[in-house]
Amino acid sequence: MSDKFDYFVMLAEKRTGSNFLCANLNQFKGITAHGEAFNPYFIGDTNREKLHGMTLEMREKDPVELLERMKADPKNLVGFRFFSTHDPRALAHFLPDERCGKIILTRNPLESYISELIAWSTNQWKLGRGDKRKSAKVTFKLDEFRKHVAEYQAFQVKILHELQCSGQTAFYLSYEDVQDVDVLNGLARFLGVDSRIEALSTNLRRQNPGTLRDKVVNYEQMVEDLQKMDPFDLTRTPNFEPRRGPAVPGYVAAANAPLMYLPIKGGPEALVREWLKGIGGGDLLGGFNQKALRQWKRKHSGHRSFTVIRHPVVRAHAAFCEHILETGPDGFPEIRAALLRDYDLLIPEDGVDETYTAKEHRKAFLVFLKFLKKNLTMQTSARVDPSWASQSQALQGFGQFALPDMVLREEQLEQGLEQLAAQVGCDPYPLPDVPDSHPFRLDEIYDAEIEASTRDAYQRDYMMFGYKALK
């Protein structure tokens, strides 16, 4: 046991070496290192039904109880791995707790991104001693990587800020450090455990040896694309990089007009992008970082930036149709599975077909709204996805760098865009027709119960933006 800490956490992300770190910590006498104890979709690992006597259902109701049971272990200092997508209720409890030892494991984000792509391609997430290695070459996608880096950094900055504010320190490890026995023994000393190890665990092997050139199909294009991301300084561990405001790679500008769109996920993004292409007479400009965005603003005197907000019922319905009902690339299969398991959501498991009725759709949407109320108040282990996070929060995020000049409403979008075009000296451009693929229109199922349930989930947005019931 330890006199310094009651329990510990390994703060990491996918493909950072956390499995190998866990295997090595379990070699120390007096340490028990669990897997992903607060993963929303399993407890510890996919084959485990209970952890410290708690089932997944019990942990969902009371995540703090699992922490208390770990602390109560009479023989060992118990810890677990925690990723940014894990239960935020647990994070809020253990992060300020000085009796929780913090281990922060990081890896070059490019390496972790490529490793994750390979794991998804091969469906091999761990390579045991007797397992056959599966290999694959993957395609680097700049927009995906920008998102990966932004999420990676945001989690690290949040951790660092909380530790600074509470006067705590952590034990920092890089991916390469986990291969060093002396460093691991130093980690045990940090945790207050007296035992030491003499060799690394042989239970796991490295899954993707070789260089990036061996792993990436479009390696030369990747190198060229990465030159645009110099501010990220990829050779450094991300938690030590300078603090940044909101990630801005999603901002888009017209090719030949001084107009920039700041999308709020879950809004009429496809429609506005098409309008922006039309008024700008060409492809959109994107992939901005803060430096590039400032340069764009300096070059486009008289520029205007804008965003578009959407009625909460319309937005929630779009999120439900496009990410929960959807089983394709835009779907969220893990959240969908949790809804099917925990909320008695009744939808076709393999996707919507002709047997799915409007009555069933209304009932399923109400279940989703019930989930949203809990999710938005941090009462679930699932992430608060940007597609349904409150729009008032999104606007606050913009404000960390620069607020949009105009906040347009979808129901008055044509008039708003016409005024915006006039301000920058552009001729009016009609709204394009961008149909959705929802199985039923909202007006086919909308009623007072849906309105009340949405208002219950989005009270802040209703108050901030003055929304009324749909007519």
Protein backbone atom coordinates (compact mmCIF):
# COMPACT_ATOMS: atom_id res chain seq x y z
CA MET A 1 0.00 0.00 0.00
CA SER A 2 0.96 3.66 -0.29
CA ASP A 3 1.11 6.45 2.29
CA LYS A 4 0.93 9.08 -0.47
CA PHE A 5 -2.18 8.05 -2.38
CA ASP A 6 -5.42 6.10 -1.87
CA TYR A 7 -5.71 5.20 -5.58
CA PHE A 8 -4.30 6.34 -8.91
CA VAL A 9 -5.33 7.08 -12.48
CA MET A 10 -3.48 6.76 -15.79
CA LEU A 11 -4.69 9.69 -17.91
CA ALA A 12 -4.09 8.82 -21.54
CA GLU A 13 -5.76 8.35 -24.92
CA LYS A 14 -6.12 5.46 -27.34
CA ARG A 15 -2.90 4.13 -28.84
CA THR A 16 -0.56 5.85 -26.39
CA GLY A 17 0.83 2.66 -24.84
CA SER A 18 -1.60 2.51 -21.91
CA ASN A 19 -2.15 -1.26 -22.26
CA PHE A 20 1.59 -1.86 -21.96
CA LEU A 21 1.87 0.54 -19.02
CA CYS A 22 -0.98 -1.30 -17.30
CA ALA A 23 0.71 -4.67 -17.86
CA ASN A 24 3.97 -3.41 -16.36
CA LEU A 25 2.33 -1.79 -13.33
CA ASN A 26 0.67 -5.09 -12.54
CA GLN A 27 4.13 -6.61 -12.12
CA PHE A 28 4.72 -4.50 -9.01
CA LYS A 29 3.81 -6.06 -5.69
CA GLY A 30 1.26 -3.80 -4.06
CA ILE A 31 -0.20 -2.34 -7.30
CA THR A 32 -3.34 -3.34 -9.18
CA ALA A 33 -3.84 -1.56 -12.49
CA HIS A 34 -7.24 -2.02 -14.10
CA GLY A 35 -8.20 -1.26 -17.67
CA GLU A 36 -10.82 1.28 -18.71
CA ALA A 37 -12.89 1.27 -15.55
CA PHE A 38 -15.06 4.18 -16.70
CA ASN A 39 -15.49 3.39 -20.38
CA PRO A 40 -19.20 4.13 -21.08
CA TYR A 41 -19.68 0.81 -22.86
CA PHE A 42 -17.89 -1.71 -20.65
CA ILE A 43 -16.30 -1.93 -17.21
CA GLY A 44 -12.56 -2.60 -17.17
CA ASP A 45 -12.44 -4.50 -20.44
CA THR A 46 -14.91 -5.98 -22.91
CA ASN A 47 -14.85 -9.45 -21.32
CA ARG A 48 -15.44 -8.35 -17.73
CA GLU A 49 -18.88 -8.30 -16.12
CA LYS A 50 -17.92 -6.84 -12.72
CA LEU A 51 -15.18 -4.71 -11.21
CA HIS A 52 -14.83 -4.53 -7.43
CA GLY A 53 -18.25 -6.14 -7.20
CA MET A 54 -19.94 -3.52 -9.41
CA THR A 55 -21.66 -4.21 -12.71
CA LEU A 56 -21.81 -1.75 -15.59
CA GLU A 57 -25.36 -0.85 -14.61
CA MET A 58 -24.33 -0.16 -11.00
CA ARG A 59 -21.41 2.00 -12.12
CA GLU A 60 -23.64 3.99 -14.48
CA LYS A 61 -25.88 4.90 -11.54
CA ASP A 62 -23.03 5.76 -9.17
CA PRO A 63 -19.51 6.07 -10.65
CA VAL A 64 -18.10 7.52 -7.43
CA GLU A 65 -18.98 4.30 -5.60
CA LEU A 66 -16.54 2.41 -7.84
CA LEU A 67 -13.79 4.86 -6.87
CA GLU A 68 -14.62 4.34 -3.20
CA ARG A 69 -14.39 0.57 -3.60
CA MET A 70 -10.99 0.90 -5.28
CA LYS A 71 -9.75 3.02 -2.38
CA ALA A 72 -10.99 0.40 0.09
CA ASP A 73 -8.77 -2.39 -1.30
CA PRO A 74 -6.88 -3.61 1.81
CA LYS A 75 -3.81 -4.99 0.01
CA ASN A 76 -3.03 -3.00 -3.11
CA LEU A 77 -2.93 0.52 -4.44
CA VAL A 78 -5.56 0.34 -7.17
CA GLY A 79 -5.66 2.38 -10.36
CA PHE A 80 -7.26 2.51 -13.78
CA ARG A 81 -6.91 3.98 -17.25
CA PHE A 82 -8.98 7.02 -18.17
CA PHE A 83 -9.47 8.57 -21.63
CA SER A 84 -11.16 11.84 -22.60
CA THR A 85 -14.25 9.93 -23.79
CA HIS A 86 -14.79 8.21 -20.45
CA ASP A 87 -17.33 9.13 -17.78
CA PRO A 88 -16.95 12.88 -17.04
CA ARG A 89 -18.59 12.40 -13.63
CA ALA A 90 -15.64 10.29 -12.50
CA LEU A 91 -13.17 12.84 -13.88
CA ALA A 92 -14.85 15.64 -11.95
CA HIS A 93 -14.45 13.63 -8.75
CA PHE A 94 -10.89 12.31 -8.97
CA LEU A 95 -9.13 15.16 -10.78
CA PRO A 96 -9.24 17.61 -7.81
CA ASP A 97 -8.62 14.78 -5.31
CA GLU A 98 -5.08 15.13 -3.92
CA ARG A 99 -5.21 11.54 -2.65
CA CYS A 100 -5.50 10.30 -6.23
CA GLY A 101 -2.10 9.82 -7.89
CA LYS A 102 -2.01 11.14 -11.45
CA ILE A 103 0.02 9.49 -14.21
CA ILE A 104 -0.13 11.34 -17.52
CA LEU A 105 0.83 9.27 -20.55
CA THR A 106 1.29 10.99 -23.90
CA ARG A 107 2.49 10.14 -27.37
CA ASN A 108 3.28 12.07 -30.51
CA PRO A 109 -0.27 12.64 -31.85
CA LEU A 110 0.71 11.70 -35.40
CA GLU A 111 1.92 8.29 -34.22
CA SER A 112 -1.22 7.71 -32.14
CA TYR A 113 -3.48 8.81 -35.02
CA ILE A 114 -1.88 6.40 -37.50
CA SER A 115 -1.86 3.61 -34.92
CA GLU A 116 -5.57 4.11 -34.28
CA LEU A 117 -6.36 4.00 -38.00
CA ILE A 118 -4.49 0.70 -38.28
CA ALA A 119 -6.30 -0.72 -35.25
CA TRP A 120 -9.69 0.17 -36.75
CA SER A 121 -8.61 -1.37 -40.05
CA THR A 122 -7.38 -4.65 -38.55
CA ASN A 123 -9.67 -4.76 -35.49
CA GLN A 124 -6.57 -5.61 -33.43
CA TRP A 125 -6.23 -3.38 -30.37
CA LYS A 126 -3.79 -5.49 -28.33
CA LEU A 127 -1.07 -7.92 -29.42
CA GLY A 128 -0.48 -10.65 -26.88
CA ARG A 129 2.50 -12.96 -26.66
CA GLY A 130 0.89 -15.71 -28.74
CA ASP A 131 -1.21 -13.54 -31.06
CA LYS A 132 -0.56 -13.18 -34.78
CA ARG A 133 0.22 -9.61 -35.78
CA LYS A 134 -2.18 -8.05 -38.30
CA SER A 135 -0.82 -5.28 -40.49
CA ALA A 136 -2.35 -2.68 -42.77
CA LYS A 137 -1.47 0.53 -44.58
CA VAL A 138 -3.82 3.43 -44.00
CA THR A 139 -4.63 6.77 -45.61
CA PHE A 140 -3.76 10.00 -43.81
CA LYS A 141 -6.58 12.57 -43.83
CA LEU A 142 -5.65 16.09 -42.81
CA ASP A 143 -9.08 17.15 -41.51
CA GLU A 144 -9.36 14.01 -39.38
CA PHE A 145 -5.88 14.58 -38.00
CA ARG A 146 -6.62 18.20 -37.14
CA LYS A 147 -9.63 17.04 -35.14
CA HIS A 148 -7.53 14.36 -33.45
CA VAL A 149 -4.90 16.89 -32.38
CA ALA A 150 -7.49 19.42 -31.19
CA GLU A 151 -9.23 16.85 -28.98
CA TYR A 152 -5.89 15.52 -27.74
CA GLN A 153 -4.67 18.95 -26.73
CA ALA A 154 -7.97 20.07 -25.19
CA PHE A 155 -7.94 17.14 -22.77
CA GLN A 156 -4.30 17.72 -21.83
CA VAL A 157 -4.85 21.45 -21.23
CA LYS A 158 -7.89 20.72 -19.07
CA ILE A 159 -5.90 18.29 -16.93
CA LEU A 160 -2.95 20.65 -16.61
CA HIS A 161 -5.18 23.59 -15.64
CA GLU A 162 -6.97 21.60 -12.93
CA LEU A 163 -3.72 20.31 -11.47
CA GLN A 164 -2.26 23.82 -11.39
CA CYS A 165 -5.36 25.30 -9.75
CA SER A 166 -5.40 22.59 -7.06
CA GLY A 167 -1.64 22.70 -6.47
CA GLN A 168 -1.06 19.12 -7.61
CA THR A 169 1.66 17.50 -9.65
CA ALA A 170 1.61 14.43 -11.86
CA PHE A 171 4.06 11.83 -13.14
CA TYR A 172 4.53 12.45 -16.88
CA LEU A 173 5.38 9.60 -19.20
CA SER A 174 5.87 9.52 -22.95
CA TYR A 175 5.17 6.46 -25.07
CA GLU A 176 8.91 5.72 -25.18
CA ASP A 177 9.31 6.05 -21.39
CA VAL A 178 7.15 2.98 -20.80
CA GLN A 179 9.95 0.90 -22.35
CA ASP A 180 12.38 1.98 -19.60
CA VAL A 181 12.52 -0.17 -16.45
CA ASP A 182 14.24 2.58 -14.45
CA VAL A 183 11.49 5.05 -15.30
CA LEU A 184 8.81 2.55 -14.28
CA ASN A 185 10.58 1.98 -10.97
CA GLY A 186 10.63 5.74 -10.53
CA LEU A 187 6.89 5.74 -11.14
CA ALA A 188 6.40 3.17 -8.38
CA ARG A 189 8.42 5.42 -6.08
CA PHE A 190 6.19 8.36 -7.02
CA LEU A 191 3.12 6.28 -6.15
CA GLY A 192 4.62 5.45 -2.75
CA VAL A 193 5.06 1.73 -3.43
CA ASP A 194 8.27 0.04 -2.22
CA SER A 195 8.49 -2.87 -4.67
CA ARG A 196 10.58 -2.75 -7.84
CA ILE A 197 10.78 -4.75 -11.09
CA GLU A 198 13.83 -5.95 -13.01
CA ALA A 199 12.39 -6.44 -16.51
CA LEU A 200 9.53 -5.33 -18.70
CA SER A 201 6.38 -7.37 -19.06
CA THR A 202 6.42 -9.84 -21.97
CA ASN A 203 2.62 -10.25 -22.07
CA LEU A 204 2.19 -7.66 -24.81
CA ARG A 205 4.14 -6.85 -27.97
CA ARG A 206 4.30 -3.69 -30.06
CA GLN A 207 1.61 -3.89 -32.71
CA ASN A 208 2.92 -1.61 -35.47
CA PRO A 209 6.70 -1.64 -35.73
CA GLY A 210 8.34 0.17 -38.61
CA THR A 211 8.37 3.72 -39.89
CA LEU A 212 5.46 5.92 -40.86
CA ARG A 213 6.42 5.43 -44.49
CA ASP A 214 5.71 1.72 -43.99
CA LYS A 215 2.26 2.43 -42.55
CA VAL A 216 0.82 5.29 -44.63
CA VAL A 217 -0.42 4.90 -48.22
CA ASN A 218 -0.16 8.60 -49.07
CA TYR A 219 3.03 9.30 -47.12
CA GLU A 220 4.33 12.10 -49.39
CA GLN A 221 0.97 13.88 -49.28
CA MET A 222 0.94 13.53 -45.49
CA VAL A 223 4.35 15.19 -45.24
CA GLU A 224 3.14 18.06 -47.41
CA ASP A 225 -0.05 18.45 -45.39
CA LEU A 226 1.80 18.45 -42.08
CA GLN A 227 3.84 21.45 -43.18
CA LYS A 228 0.62 23.44 -42.88
CA MET A 229 0.42 22.47 -39.22
CA ASP A 230 3.77 23.74 -37.99
CA PRO A 231 2.17 25.60 -35.03
CA PHE A 232 1.28 22.22 -33.55
CA ASP A 233 5.01 21.37 -33.16
CA LEU A 234 4.35 17.65 -33.34
CA THR A 235 7.70 16.60 -31.87
CA ARG A 236 6.64 17.82 -28.44
CA THR A 237 4.31 16.17 -25.98
CA PRO A 238 0.99 17.94 -26.38
CA ASN A 239 0.33 18.65 -22.73
CA PHE A 240 3.26 21.09 -22.66
CA GLU A 241 2.26 23.03 -25.74
CA PRO A 242 1.03 26.60 -25.36
CA ARG A 243 -2.58 27.05 -24.39
CA ARG A 244 -4.88 27.65 -27.33
CA GLY A 245 -8.32 29.04 -27.73
CA PRO A 246 -11.04 27.08 -29.50
CA ALA A 247 -9.96 24.73 -32.29
CA VAL A 248 -10.74 26.54 -35.51
CA PRO A 249 -10.11 23.99 -38.30
CA GLY A 250 -13.86 23.73 -38.87
CA TYR A 251 -14.21 27.42 -39.81
CA VAL A 252 -14.73 27.94 -43.55
CA ALA A 253 -14.44 31.02 -45.77
CA ALA A 254 -15.77 31.86 -49.22
CA ALA A 255 -13.21 31.68 -52.01
CA ASN A 256 -13.93 35.13 -53.47
CA ALA A 257 -15.90 36.98 -50.81
CA PRO A 258 -14.82 38.27 -47.36
CA LEU A 259 -17.21 35.96 -45.54
CA MET A 260 -16.37 33.33 -42.94
CA TYR A 261 -18.76 30.75 -41.47
CA LEU A 262 -18.31 29.44 -37.91
CA PRO A 263 -20.40 26.25 -37.90
CA ILE A 264 -22.29 25.07 -34.85
CA LYS A 265 -22.58 21.31 -35.16
CA GLY A 266 -26.12 20.06 -35.56
CA GLY A 267 -27.15 23.16 -37.49
CA PRO A 268 -27.90 23.64 -41.21
CA GLU A 269 -24.21 23.26 -42.02
CA ALA A 270 -24.57 21.65 -45.46
CA LEU A 271 -27.01 24.36 -46.60
CA VAL A 272 -24.81 27.25 -45.45
CA ARG A 273 -21.70 25.71 -46.99
CA GLU A 274 -23.44 25.44 -50.36
CA TRP A 275 -24.60 29.06 -50.11
CA LEU A 276 -21.07 30.15 -49.25
CA LYS A 277 -19.70 28.28 -52.27
CA GLY A 278 -22.26 29.98 -54.49
CA ILE A 279 -21.68 33.52 -53.31
CA GLY A 280 -17.91 33.01 -53.31
CA GLY A 281 -17.83 31.40 -56.74
CA GLY A 282 -15.53 28.54 -55.84
CA ASP A 283 -14.48 25.94 -53.31
CA LEU A 284 -14.41 26.88 -49.66
CA LEU A 285 -11.24 27.75 -47.81
CA GLY A 286 -10.73 25.71 -44.65
CA GLY A 287 -8.22 23.99 -42.43
CA PHE A 288 -7.46 27.20 -40.52
CA ASN A 289 -5.42 27.48 -37.38
CA GLN A 290 -5.38 30.69 -35.34
CA LYS A 291 -2.37 32.10 -37.19
CA ALA A 292 -3.87 31.40 -40.62
CA LEU A 293 -7.20 32.83 -39.49
CA ARG A 294 -5.57 36.11 -38.44
CA GLN A 295 -3.76 36.27 -41.78
CA TRP A 296 -7.04 35.74 -43.63
CA LYS A 297 -8.68 38.56 -41.67
CA ARG A 298 -5.80 40.95 -42.41
CA LYS A 299 -6.02 40.20 -46.13
CA HIS A 300 -9.81 40.66 -46.27
CA SER A 301 -10.58 44.13 -45.07
CA GLY A 302 -14.27 44.56 -44.25
CA HIS A 303 -14.72 40.84 -43.63
CA ARG A 304 -17.70 39.43 -41.77
CA SER A 305 -17.95 36.21 -39.79
CA PHE A 306 -21.22 34.56 -38.87
CA THR A 307 -22.81 31.49 -37.38
CA VAL A 308 -26.31 30.04 -37.54
CA ILE A 309 -28.40 28.81 -34.62
CA ARG A 310 -31.27 26.37 -34.98
CA HIS A 311 -34.43 25.75 -32.97
CA PRO A 312 -33.54 23.15 -30.30
CA VAL A 313 -36.29 20.73 -31.39
CA VAL A 314 -35.14 20.83 -35.02
CA ARG A 315 -31.52 20.41 -33.98
CA ALA A 316 -32.19 17.53 -31.59
CA HIS A 317 -34.26 15.75 -34.24
CA ALA A 318 -31.48 16.18 -36.80
CA ALA A 319 -28.91 14.79 -34.35
CA PHE A 320 -31.14 11.81 -33.62
CA CYS A 321 -31.74 11.01 -37.28
CA GLU A 322 -28.18 11.58 -38.47
CA HIS A 323 -26.18 10.03 -35.64
CA ILE A 324 -28.41 7.56 -33.78
CA LEU A 325 -30.70 6.18 -36.49
CA GLU A 326 -27.86 6.39 -39.01
CA THR A 327 -25.77 3.21 -39.23
CA GLY A 328 -23.35 4.57 -41.83
CA PRO A 329 -20.18 6.62 -41.37
CA ASP A 330 -22.02 9.50 -39.65
CA GLY A 331 -23.58 7.24 -37.05
CA PHE A 332 -22.43 6.97 -33.45
CA PRO A 333 -22.58 3.19 -32.93
CA GLU A 334 -21.33 3.19 -29.33
CA ILE A 335 -23.87 5.78 -28.15
CA ARG A 336 -26.55 4.03 -30.18
CA ALA A 337 -25.66 0.76 -28.43
CA ALA A 338 -25.84 2.44 -25.02
CA LEU A 339 -29.28 3.84 -25.82
CA LEU A 340 -30.50 0.44 -26.96
CA ARG A 341 -29.10 -1.13 -23.79
CA ASP A 342 -29.88 1.44 -21.10
CA TYR A 343 -32.87 3.42 -22.39
CA ASP A 344 -35.00 0.76 -24.06
CA LEU A 345 -34.65 2.56 -27.37
CA LEU A 346 -36.73 0.71 -29.95
CA ILE A 347 -35.27 1.22 -33.42
CA PRO A 348 -34.20 -1.27 -36.09
CA GLU A 349 -30.75 -2.48 -35.04
CA ASP A 350 -29.50 -2.75 -38.63
CA GLY A 351 -30.86 0.60 -39.76
CA VAL A 352 -34.21 2.10 -40.65
CA ASP A 353 -36.29 0.22 -43.22
CA GLU A 354 -39.85 0.33 -44.58
CA THR A 355 -41.23 -1.32 -41.43
CA TYR A 356 -40.23 1.66 -39.29
CA THR A 357 -43.32 3.83 -38.66
CA ALA A 358 -43.85 7.46 -37.71
CA LYS A 359 -45.38 6.32 -34.41
CA GLU A 360 -42.21 4.34 -33.60
CA HIS A 361 -40.07 7.28 -34.69
CA ARG A 362 -41.86 9.66 -32.33
CA LYS A 363 -41.47 7.25 -29.41
CA ALA A 364 -37.78 6.69 -30.15
CA PHE A 365 -37.13 10.43 -30.44
CA LEU A 366 -38.69 10.99 -27.02
CA VAL A 367 -36.32 8.39 -25.59
CA PHE A 368 -33.40 10.27 -27.15
CA LEU A 369 -34.63 13.53 -25.60
CA LYS A 370 -34.72 11.82 -22.21
CA PHE A 371 -31.10 10.77 -22.75
CA LEU A 372 -30.18 14.32 -23.81
CA LYS A 373 -31.46 15.82 -20.58
CA LYS A 374 -29.19 13.55 -18.55
CA ASN A 375 -26.27 13.79 -20.93
CA LEU A 376 -26.25 17.59 -20.99
CA THR A 377 -26.25 17.72 -17.19
CA MET A 378 -23.33 15.27 -16.94
CA GLN A 379 -25.45 12.43 -15.58
CA THR A 380 -24.33 9.86 -18.15
CA SER A 381 -20.97 8.38 -19.02
CA ALA A 382 -21.37 9.13 -22.75
CA ARG A 383 -19.68 12.20 -24.21
CA VAL A 384 -21.61 15.40 -24.82
CA ASP A 385 -21.20 15.44 -28.58
CA PRO A 386 -20.95 18.81 -30.36
CA SER A 387 -23.91 17.76 -32.52
CA TRP A 388 -26.24 18.22 -29.56
CA ALA A 389 -24.26 20.27 -27.05
CA SER A 390 -26.09 23.49 -26.21
CA GLN A 391 -25.64 26.28 -28.73
CA SER A 392 -25.03 28.82 -25.97
CA GLN A 393 -21.96 26.80 -24.98
CA ALA A 394 -20.76 26.78 -28.59
CA LEU A 395 -21.00 30.58 -28.75
CA GLN A 396 -19.02 30.89 -25.53
CA GLY A 397 -16.36 28.73 -27.12
CA PHE A 398 -16.16 31.07 -30.11
CA GLY A 399 -15.67 33.93 -27.69
CA GLN A 400 -12.35 32.53 -26.47
CA PHE A 401 -10.87 33.61 -29.80
CA ALA A 402 -13.31 35.91 -31.61
CA LEU A 403 -17.08 36.13 -31.53
CA PRO A 404 -18.91 36.02 -34.88
CA ASP A 405 -20.12 39.38 -36.24
CA MET A 406 -23.60 37.99 -36.81
CA VAL A 407 -25.64 35.21 -35.23
CA LEU A 408 -28.32 34.24 -37.74
CA ARG A 409 -31.40 32.15 -37.06
CA GLU A 410 -32.26 29.30 -39.36
CA GLU A 411 -35.91 30.29 -39.61
CA GLN A 412 -34.83 33.74 -40.91
CA LEU A 413 -31.75 32.53 -42.75
CA GLU A 414 -32.56 33.84 -46.22
CA GLN A 415 -33.14 37.36 -44.92
CA GLY A 416 -30.04 37.21 -42.69
CA LEU A 417 -27.72 36.01 -45.45
CA GLU A 418 -29.07 38.66 -47.81
CA GLN A 419 -28.20 41.36 -45.27
CA LEU A 420 -24.78 39.79 -44.71
CA ALA A 421 -24.04 39.77 -48.44
CA ALA A 422 -25.03 43.42 -48.72
CA GLN A 423 -22.66 44.37 -45.90
CA VAL A 424 -19.66 43.03 -47.85
CA GLY A 425 -20.82 44.35 -51.22
CA CYS A 426 -21.94 41.04 -52.76
CA ASP A 427 -25.05 40.49 -54.84
CA PRO A 428 -27.74 38.40 -53.15
CA TYR A 429 -27.49 34.66 -53.72
CA PRO A 430 -30.51 32.37 -53.27
CA LEU A 431 -30.56 29.63 -50.69
CA PRO A 432 -29.76 26.30 -52.36
CA ASP A 433 -31.98 23.26 -51.99
CA VAL A 434 -30.22 20.73 -49.74
CA PRO A 435 -32.66 17.96 -48.82
CA ASP A 436 -32.13 15.85 -45.73
CA SER A 437 -32.38 12.08 -45.53
CA HIS A 438 -34.42 11.85 -42.34
CA PRO A 439 -36.96 8.98 -42.38
CA PHE A 440 -39.75 11.31 -41.24
CA ARG A 441 -40.17 15.08 -41.21
CA LEU A 442 -40.33 16.65 -37.78
CA ASP A 443 -43.81 18.03 -38.45
CA GLU A 444 -45.05 14.44 -38.88
CA ILE A 445 -44.30 13.62 -35.24
CA TYR A 446 -44.04 16.97 -33.45
CA ASP A 447 -46.45 17.62 -30.56
CA ALA A 448 -46.57 19.29 -27.14
CA GLU A 449 -44.80 16.38 -25.43
CA ILE A 450 -41.82 16.60 -27.78
CA GLU A 451 -41.67 20.36 -27.29
CA ALA A 452 -41.79 20.04 -23.50
CA SER A 453 -39.12 17.31 -23.44
CA THR A 454 -36.80 19.38 -25.62
CA ARG A 455 -37.34 22.49 -23.50
CA ASP A 456 -36.52 20.40 -20.43
CA ALA A 457 -33.19 19.36 -21.96
CA TYR A 458 -32.29 22.78 -23.43
CA GLN A 459 -33.60 25.27 -20.88
CA ARG A 460 -30.53 27.49 -21.28
CA ASP A 461 -30.84 27.73 -25.07
CA TYR A 462 -34.55 28.51 -24.84
CA MET A 463 -33.82 31.27 -22.35
CA MET A 464 -30.73 32.68 -24.10
CA PHE A 465 -32.24 32.79 -27.59
CA GLY A 466 -35.93 33.31 -26.76
CA TYR A 467 -37.20 30.27 -28.65
CA LYS A 468 -40.89 29.52 -28.59
CA ALA A 469 -42.75 26.34 -29.42
CA LEU A 470 -42.77 25.44 -33.10
CA LYS A 471 -45.96 26.27 -34.95
